Amino acid sequence: MKVAIIPARGGSKRIPRKNIRLFHGKPIIAYSIDAALASACFDKVIVSTDDEAIAEIARQYGAEVPFIRPQHIADDHATTLDVIQHAIDWCEQQSWNLSYVCCLYATAPFIQLRDLQMGLARVQQPGVEYVFSATSFPFPIQRAIKLSNSGEVSMFSPEFEQSRSQDLEEAYHDAGQFYWGRAEAFKQRLAIFAPHSRVVMLPRIQVQDIDTHEDWECAEALYAVLKGRP
């Protein structure tokens, strides 16, 4: 059995009510629900929330909310793995035989069906425990700088100060859209960023973290550009 779990707590502080805030005309969580349902990858699409308003909207868009998340994993200190572990435990208490689980973030309006489907295909390969979305950094991380409290500049890696950008190894980061995993890997809390994981590489134009109001504005502008492309 394959299950999508969408974490969506109600207490977002930097962007209040972030998970159900309207994004180009519909609650942002609806994009993740729609993608999960349309992908045909899942037997169940579940939203894990502590908030009845989020639960109601999730149901309107076709997701299941079979439980309300307990408060001890609904605060600022709860991790995504805590939430996924709780959801897996609940599913197993219902005698669901879970094989693969996909943690799908509620604020992922750029998610594509083909990427979810590719993630499922890759996580089923021998020796693979997780598959997650990733993208490349737009600038060489080897030449990153830092500022002291007094504004003084220094390099994180001074040995690369004179290196040409094209000579430096490319670096990548988590794109924050989805994390496919074997159910047992989540239960054992195996590390995600490890050799037993693989990635679905996304173009940078399809990736935008949404943690601040500025992020939200950037995401809406980017979405409008992508929707207008031929």
C-alpha atoms as a PDB file:
ATOM      1  CA  MET A   1       0.000   0.000   0.000  1.00  0.00           C
ATOM      2  CA  LYS A   2       1.291   3.439  -0.944  1.00  0.00           C
ATOM      3  CA  VAL A   3       0.229   6.461   1.111  1.00  0.00           C
ATOM      4  CA  ALA A   4       0.831  10.196   0.703  1.00  0.00           C
ATOM      5  CA  ILE A   5       1.079  12.104   3.975  1.00  0.00           C
ATOM      6  CA  ILE A   6       0.745  15.888   3.802  1.00  0.00           C
ATOM      7  CA  PRO A   7       1.806  17.614   7.061  1.00  0.00           C
ATOM      8  CA  ALA A   8      -0.209  20.805   7.612  1.00  0.00           C
ATOM      9  CA  ARG A   9      -0.275  22.207  11.112  1.00  0.00           C
ATOM     10  CA  GLY A  10      -2.309  25.293  11.917  1.00  0.00           C
ATOM     11  CA  GLY A  11       0.246  27.300  13.890  1.00  0.00           C
ATOM     12  CA  SER A  12       2.446  28.807  11.179  1.00  0.00           C
ATOM     13  CA  LYS A  13       3.949  31.976  12.638  1.00  0.00           C
ATOM     14  CA  ARG A  14       5.865  33.748   9.874  1.00  0.00           C
ATOM     15  CA  ILE A  15       2.957  33.412   7.423  1.00  0.00           C
ATOM     16  CA  PRO A  16      -0.236  32.976   9.483  1.00  0.00           C
ATOM     17  CA  ARG A  17      -2.596  30.281   8.144  1.00  0.00           C
ATOM     18  CA  LYS A  18       0.017  29.555   5.481  1.00  0.00           C
ATOM     19  CA  ASN A  19      -1.211  26.084   4.568  1.00  0.00           C
ATOM     20  CA  ILE A  20      -4.681  27.303   3.543  1.00  0.00           C
ATOM     21  CA  ARG A  21      -3.835  30.816   2.390  1.00  0.00           C
ATOM     22  CA  LEU A  22      -5.093  31.508  -1.135  1.00  0.00           C
ATOM     23  CA  PHE A  23      -2.408  31.098  -3.788  1.00  0.00           C
ATOM     24  CA  HIS A  24      -3.572  32.151  -7.241  1.00  0.00           C
ATOM     25  CA  GLY A  25      -7.176  31.625  -6.268  1.00  0.00           C
ATOM     26  CA  LYS A  26      -7.173  28.447  -4.193  1.00  0.00           C
ATOM     27  CA  PRO A  27      -5.744  27.260  -0.874  1.00  0.00           C
ATOM     28  CA  ILE A  28      -2.089  26.417  -1.365  1.00  0.00           C
ATOM     29  CA  ILE A  29      -2.530  22.952   0.153  1.00  0.00           C
ATOM     30  CA  ALA A  30      -4.924  22.144  -2.696  1.00  0.00           C
ATOM     31  CA  TYR A  31      -2.029  22.034  -5.171  1.00  0.00           C
ATOM     32  CA  SER A  32      -0.347  19.224  -3.255  1.00  0.00           C
ATOM     33  CA  ILE A  33      -3.610  17.315  -2.820  1.00  0.00           C
ATOM     34  CA  ASP A  34      -4.496  17.690  -6.506  1.00  0.00           C
ATOM     35  CA  ALA A  35      -1.046  16.502  -7.601  1.00  0.00           C
ATOM     36  CA  ALA A  36      -1.113  13.492  -5.290  1.00  0.00           C
ATOM     37  CA  LEU A  37      -4.563  12.411  -6.470  1.00  0.00           C
ATOM     38  CA  ALA A  38      -3.841  12.988 -10.153  1.00  0.00           C
ATOM     39  CA  SER A  39      -0.521  11.136 -10.043  1.00  0.00           C
ATOM     40  CA  ALA A  40      -2.269   7.778  -9.472  1.00  0.00           C
ATOM     41  CA  CYS A  41       0.674   6.831  -7.237  1.00  0.00           C
ATOM     42  CA  PHE A  42      -1.291   6.449  -4.008  1.00  0.00           C
ATOM     43  CA  ASP A  43      -3.909   4.250  -2.425  1.00  0.00           C
ATOM     44  CA  LYS A  44      -4.562   6.951   0.182  1.00  0.00           C
ATOM     45  CA  VAL A  45      -3.852  10.693   0.375  1.00  0.00           C
ATOM     46  CA  ILE A  46      -3.861  11.796   4.009  1.00  0.00           C
ATOM     47  CA  VAL A  47      -3.473  15.239   5.556  1.00  0.00           C
ATOM     48  CA  SER A  48      -2.006  15.293   9.056  1.00  0.00           C
ATOM     49  CA  THR A  49      -3.224  18.413  10.836  1.00  0.00           C
ATOM     50  CA  ASP A  50      -4.166  19.693  14.275  1.00  0.00           C
ATOM     51  CA  ASP A  51      -6.493  22.306  12.787  1.00  0.00           C
ATOM     52  CA  GLU A  52     -10.177  21.722  11.948  1.00  0.00           C
ATOM     53  CA  ALA A  53     -10.263  24.490   9.319  1.00  0.00           C
ATOM     54  CA  ILE A  54      -7.348  22.890   7.463  1.00  0.00           C
ATOM     55  CA  ALA A  55      -9.016  19.493   7.817  1.00  0.00           C
ATOM     56  CA  GLU A  56     -12.233  20.767   6.270  1.00  0.00           C
ATOM     57  CA  ILE A  57     -10.478  22.350   3.284  1.00  0.00           C
ATOM     58  CA  ALA A  58      -8.359  19.214   2.785  1.00  0.00           C
ATOM     59  CA  ARG A  59     -11.520  17.098   2.619  1.00  0.00           C
ATOM     60  CA  GLN A  60     -13.123  19.523   0.147  1.00  0.00           C
ATOM     61  CA  TYR A  61     -10.235  18.907  -2.235  1.00  0.00           C
ATOM     62  CA  GLY A  62     -10.392  15.132  -1.918  1.00  0.00           C
ATOM     63  CA  ALA A  63      -7.870  14.231   0.778  1.00  0.00           C
ATOM     64  CA  GLU A  64      -8.639  12.138   3.817  1.00  0.00           C
ATOM     65  CA  VAL A  65      -8.197  13.476   7.353  1.00  0.00           C
ATOM     66  CA  PRO A  66      -8.810  10.333   9.388  1.00  0.00           C
ATOM     67  CA  PHE A  67      -7.258  11.689  12.590  1.00  0.00           C
ATOM     68  CA  ILE A  68      -6.414  14.997  14.228  1.00  0.00           C
ATOM     69  CA  ARG A  69      -2.736  15.333  15.003  1.00  0.00           C
ATOM     70  CA  PRO A  70      -2.007  15.399  18.749  1.00  0.00           C
ATOM     71  CA  GLN A  71      -0.699  18.632  20.205  1.00  0.00           C
ATOM     72  CA  HIS A  72       2.673  17.245  21.261  1.00  0.00           C
ATOM     73  CA  ILE A  73       3.655  16.956  17.582  1.00  0.00           C
ATOM     74  CA  ALA A  74       1.922  20.144  16.442  1.00  0.00           C
ATOM     75  CA  ASP A  75       4.258  22.766  17.889  1.00  0.00           C
ATOM     76  CA  ASP A  76       7.393  24.502  16.598  1.00  0.00           C
ATOM     77  CA  HIS A  77       9.634  21.746  17.956  1.00  0.00           C
ATOM     78  CA  ALA A  78       7.990  18.801  16.209  1.00  0.00           C
ATOM     79  CA  THR A  79       9.946  17.493  13.235  1.00  0.00           C
ATOM     80  CA  THR A  80       8.602  16.247   9.934  1.00  0.00           C
ATOM     81  CA  LEU A  81       9.825  12.763  10.854  1.00  0.00           C
ATOM     82  CA  ASP A  82       7.794  12.944  14.082  1.00  0.00           C
ATOM     83  CA  VAL A  83       4.676  13.681  12.047  1.00  0.00           C
ATOM     84  CA  ILE A  84       5.347  10.955   9.480  1.00  0.00           C
ATOM     85  CA  GLN A  85       6.104   8.416  12.226  1.00  0.00           C
ATOM     86  CA  HIS A  86       2.808   9.228  13.951  1.00  0.00           C
ATOM     87  CA  ALA A  87       0.866   8.879  10.685  1.00  0.00           C
ATOM     88  CA  ILE A  88       2.539   5.552   9.883  1.00  0.00           C
ATOM     89  CA  ASP A  89       1.754   4.258  13.372  1.00  0.00           C
ATOM     90  CA  TRP A  90      -1.898   5.268  12.933  1.00  0.00           C
ATOM     91  CA  CYS A  91      -2.088   3.546   9.525  1.00  0.00           C
ATOM     92  CA  GLU A  92      -0.612   0.353  10.925  1.00  0.00           C
ATOM     93  CA  GLN A  93      -3.121   0.403  13.792  1.00  0.00           C
ATOM     94  CA  GLN A  94      -5.787   0.224  11.068  1.00  0.00           C
ATOM     95  CA  SER A  95      -4.018  -2.884   9.712  1.00  0.00           C
ATOM     96  CA  TRP A  96      -2.906  -1.085   6.553  1.00  0.00           C
ATOM     97  CA  ASN A  97       0.060  -2.883   5.034  1.00  0.00           C
ATOM     98  CA  LEU A  98       2.268   0.079   4.103  1.00  0.00           C
ATOM     99  CA  SER A  99       5.034  -0.452   1.575  1.00  0.00           C
ATOM    100  CA  TYR A 100       5.906   3.100   0.500  1.00  0.00           C
ATOM    101  CA  VAL A 101       5.141   6.482   2.033  1.00  0.00           C
ATOM    102  CA  CYS A 102       5.516   9.909   0.448  1.00  0.00           C
ATOM    103  CA  CYS A 103       5.780  12.993   2.624  1.00  0.00           C
ATOM    104  CA  LEU A 104       4.409  15.773   0.439  1.00  0.00           C
ATOM    105  CA  TYR A 105       4.670  19.337   1.727  1.00  0.00           C
ATOM    106  CA  ALA A 106       1.504  21.450   1.836  1.00  0.00           C
ATOM    107  CA  THR A 107       3.236  24.488   0.313  1.00  0.00           C
ATOM    108  CA  ALA A 108       4.464  22.946  -2.948  1.00  0.00           C
ATOM    109  CA  PRO A 109       2.446  24.579  -5.755  1.00  0.00           C
ATOM    110  CA  PHE A 110       5.126  23.803  -8.346  1.00  0.00           C
ATOM    111  CA  ILE A 111       4.983  20.045  -7.915  1.00  0.00           C
ATOM    112  CA  GLN A 112       4.598  18.048 -11.117  1.00  0.00           C
ATOM    113  CA  LEU A 113       2.882  14.686 -11.551  1.00  0.00           C
ATOM    114  CA  ARG A 114       5.818  13.269 -13.514  1.00  0.00           C
ATOM    115  CA  ASP A 115       8.197  14.072 -10.648  1.00  0.00           C
ATOM    116  CA  LEU A 116       6.069  12.183  -8.121  1.00  0.00           C
ATOM    117  CA  GLN A 117       5.822   9.270 -10.532  1.00  0.00           C
ATOM    118  CA  MET A 118       9.564   9.304 -11.170  1.00  0.00           C
ATOM    119  CA  GLY A 119      10.187   9.363  -7.428  1.00  0.00           C
ATOM    120  CA  LEU A 120       8.059   6.245  -6.961  1.00  0.00           C
ATOM    121  CA  ALA A 121       9.882   4.410  -9.743  1.00  0.00           C
ATOM    122  CA  ARG A 122      13.273   5.244  -8.241  1.00  0.00           C
ATOM    123  CA  VAL A 123      12.458   4.391  -4.620  1.00  0.00           C
ATOM    124  CA  GLN A 124      11.435   0.912  -5.773  1.00  0.00           C
ATOM    125  CA  GLN A 125      14.928   0.202  -7.082  1.00  0.00           C
ATOM    126  CA  PRO A 126      17.083  -2.216  -5.053  1.00  0.00           C
ATOM    127  CA  GLY A 127      19.115  -0.596  -2.284  1.00  0.00           C
ATOM    128  CA  VAL A 128      17.206   2.699  -2.377  1.00  0.00           C
ATOM    129  CA  GLU A 129      15.483   3.810   0.832  1.00  0.00           C
ATOM    130  CA  TYR A 130      14.401   7.358  -0.060  1.00  0.00           C
ATOM    131  CA  VAL A 131      13.951   9.592  -3.094  1.00  0.00           C
ATOM    132  CA  PHE A 132      13.454  13.335  -2.731  1.00  0.00           C
ATOM    133  CA  SER A 133      13.259  16.416  -4.949  1.00  0.00           C
ATOM    134  CA  ALA A 134      16.460  18.429  -5.395  1.00  0.00           C
ATOM    135  CA  THR A 135      17.864  21.252  -7.482  1.00  0.00           C
ATOM    136  CA  SER A 136      21.206  22.924  -8.079  1.00  0.00           C
ATOM    137  CA  PHE A 137      22.550  25.999  -6.314  1.00  0.00           C
ATOM    138  CA  PRO A 138      22.636  28.988  -8.687  1.00  0.00           C
ATOM    139  CA  PHE A 139      26.090  30.061  -7.457  1.00  0.00           C
ATOM    140  CA  PRO A 140      29.154  28.012  -6.426  1.00  0.00           C
ATOM    141  CA  ILE A 141      28.851  27.300  -2.703  1.00  0.00           C
ATOM    142  CA  GLN A 142      32.658  27.071  -2.490  1.00  0.00           C
ATOM    143  CA  ARG A 143      32.797  30.845  -2.951  1.00  0.00           C
ATOM    144  CA  ALA A 144      30.199  31.717  -0.322  1.00  0.00           C
ATOM    145  CA  ILE A 145      31.029  34.632   1.967  1.00  0.00           C
ATOM    146  CA  LYS A 146      30.093  35.464   5.537  1.00  0.00           C
ATOM    147  CA  LEU A 147      29.786  38.713   7.455  1.00  0.00           C
ATOM    148  CA  SER A 148      30.912  39.305  11.018  1.00  0.00           C
ATOM    149  CA  ASN A 149      28.814  41.264  13.510  1.00  0.00           C
ATOM    150  CA  SER A 150      30.783  44.373  12.546  1.00  0.00           C
ATOM    151  CA  GLY A 151      30.251  43.779   8.829  1.00  0.00           C
ATOM    152  CA  GLU A 152      33.682  42.376   7.970  1.00  0.00           C
ATOM    153  CA  VAL A 153      33.770  40.038   4.986  1.00  0.00           C
ATOM    154  CA  SER A 154      35.450  36.637   4.879  1.00  0.00           C
ATOM    155  CA  MET A 155      35.059  33.475   2.816  1.00  0.00           C
ATOM    156  CA  PHE A 156      33.779  30.180   4.133  1.00  0.00           C
ATOM    157  CA  SER A 157      36.383  28.439   1.937  1.00  0.00           C
ATOM    158  CA  PRO A 158      39.266  30.873   1.272  1.00  0.00           C
ATOM    159  CA  GLU A 159      41.137  28.243  -0.737  1.00  0.00           C
ATOM    160  CA  PHE A 160      38.655  28.763  -3.575  1.00  0.00           C
ATOM    161  CA  GLU A 161      38.970  32.557  -3.774  1.00  0.00           C
ATOM    162  CA  GLN A 162      40.853  32.473  -7.072  1.00  0.00           C
ATOM    163  CA  SER A 163      39.043  29.480  -8.559  1.00  0.00           C
ATOM    164  CA  ARG A 164      36.991  29.924 -11.707  1.00  0.00           C
ATOM    165  CA  SER A 165      33.315  29.114 -11.292  1.00  0.00           C
ATOM    166  CA  GLN A 166      33.404  26.584 -14.123  1.00  0.00           C
ATOM    167  CA  ASP A 167      36.188  24.666 -12.370  1.00  0.00           C
ATOM    168  CA  LEU A 168      34.206  24.119  -9.154  1.00  0.00           C
ATOM    169  CA  GLU A 169      32.083  21.081  -8.421  1.00  0.00           C
ATOM    170  CA  GLU A 170      28.350  21.740  -8.731  1.00  0.00           C
ATOM    171  CA  ALA A 171      26.335  21.521  -5.513  1.00  0.00           C
ATOM    172  CA  TYR A 172      22.671  20.696  -4.937  1.00  0.00           C
ATOM    173  CA  HIS A 173      20.047  21.179  -2.244  1.00  0.00           C
ATOM    174  CA  ASP A 174      16.742  19.712  -1.141  1.00  0.00           C
ATOM    175  CA  ALA A 175      13.921  21.302  -3.151  1.00  0.00           C
ATOM    176  CA  GLY A 176      11.390  20.846  -0.332  1.00  0.00           C
ATOM    177  CA  GLN A 177       8.551  19.286  -2.330  1.00  0.00           C
ATOM    178  CA  PHE A 178       8.376  15.569  -1.556  1.00  0.00           C
ATOM    179  CA  TYR A 179      10.177  12.671   0.126  1.00  0.00           C
ATOM    180  CA  TRP A 180       9.376   9.173  -1.041  1.00  0.00           C
ATOM    181  CA  GLY A 181      10.535   6.432   1.289  1.00  0.00           C
ATOM    182  CA  ARG A 182      10.097   2.822   2.123  1.00  0.00           C
ATOM    183  CA  ALA A 183       7.745   2.640   5.107  1.00  0.00           C
ATOM    184  CA  GLU A 184      10.338   0.718   7.072  1.00  0.00           C
ATOM    185  CA  ALA A 185      12.971   3.396   6.422  1.00  0.00           C
ATOM    186  CA  PHE A 186      10.716   6.073   7.912  1.00  0.00           C
ATOM    187  CA  LYS A 187       9.890   3.824  10.867  1.00  0.00           C
ATOM    188  CA  GLN A 188      13.581   3.256  11.566  1.00  0.00           C
ATOM    189  CA  ARG A 189      14.257   6.987  11.072  1.00  0.00           C
ATOM    190  CA  LEU A 190      17.039   6.309   8.619  1.00  0.00           C
ATOM    191  CA  ALA A 191      18.852   9.464   7.498  1.00  0.00           C
ATOM    192  CA  ILE A 192      17.427  10.937   4.303  1.00  0.00           C
ATOM    193  CA  PHE A 193      20.560  12.714   3.084  1.00  0.00           C
ATOM    194  CA  ALA A 194      22.635   9.561   2.807  1.00  0.00           C
ATOM    195  CA  PRO A 195      24.070   7.181   0.172  1.00  0.00           C
ATOM    196  CA  HIS A 196      20.934   5.009   0.236  1.00  0.00           C
ATOM    197  CA  SER A 197      18.907   7.939  -1.154  1.00  0.00           C
ATOM    198  CA  ARG A 198      18.396   9.195  -4.701  1.00  0.00           C
ATOM    199  CA  VAL A 199      16.958  12.429  -6.083  1.00  0.00           C
ATOM    200  CA  VAL A 200      14.539  13.662  -8.697  1.00  0.00           C
ATOM    201  CA  MET A 201      16.358  16.666 -10.120  1.00  0.00           C
ATOM    202  CA  LEU A 202      14.198  19.742 -10.719  1.00  0.00           C
ATOM    203  CA  PRO A 203      14.996  22.865 -12.748  1.00  0.00           C
ATOM    204  CA  ARG A 204      15.577  25.881 -10.504  1.00  0.00           C
ATOM    205  CA  ILE A 205      12.625  27.684 -12.075  1.00  0.00           C
ATOM    206  CA  GLN A 206      10.370  25.004 -10.546  1.00  0.00           C
ATOM    207  CA  VAL A 207      11.636  25.534  -6.988  1.00  0.00           C
ATOM    208  CA  GLN A 208      10.742  28.194  -4.429  1.00  0.00           C
ATOM    209  CA  ASP A 209      10.923  27.825  -0.673  1.00  0.00           C
ATOM    210  CA  ILE A 210       7.928  29.480   1.018  1.00  0.00           C
ATOM    211  CA  ASP A 211       8.775  30.495   4.583  1.00  0.00           C
ATOM    212  CA  THR A 212       8.409  34.292   4.569  1.00  0.00           C
ATOM    213  CA  HIS A 213       6.093  36.882   3.011  1.00  0.00           C
ATOM    214  CA  GLU A 214       8.841  37.696   0.515  1.00  0.00           C
ATOM    215  CA  ASP A 215       9.077  34.014  -0.419  1.00  0.00           C
ATOM    216  CA  TRP A 216       5.318  33.948  -0.961  1.00  0.00           C
ATOM    217  CA  GLU A 217       5.434  36.947  -3.294  1.00  0.00           C
ATOM    218  CA  CYS A 218       8.292  35.395  -5.254  1.00  0.00           C
ATOM    219  CA  ALA A 219       6.378  32.124  -5.552  1.00  0.00           C
ATOM    220  CA  GLU A 220       3.246  33.836  -6.841  1.00  0.00           C
ATOM    221  CA  ALA A 221       5.252  35.809  -9.387  1.00  0.00           C
ATOM    222  CA  LEU A 222       7.122  32.698 -10.534  1.00  0.00           C
ATOM    223  CA  TYR A 223       3.889  30.709 -10.797  1.00  0.00           C
ATOM    224  CA  ALA A 224       2.340  33.425 -12.946  1.00  0.00           C
ATOM    225  CA  VAL A 225       5.354  33.334 -15.278  1.00  0.00           C
ATOM    226  CA  LEU A 226       5.236  29.552 -15.585  1.00  0.00           C
ATOM    227  CA  LYS A 227       1.483  29.515 -16.230  1.00  0.00           C
ATOM    228  CA  GLY A 228       1.969  32.060 -19.011  1.00  0.00           C
ATOM    229  CA  ARG A 229       4.678  30.086 -20.798  1.00  0.00           C
ATOM    230  CA  PRO A 230       3.686  28.290 -24.010  1.00  0.00           C
END
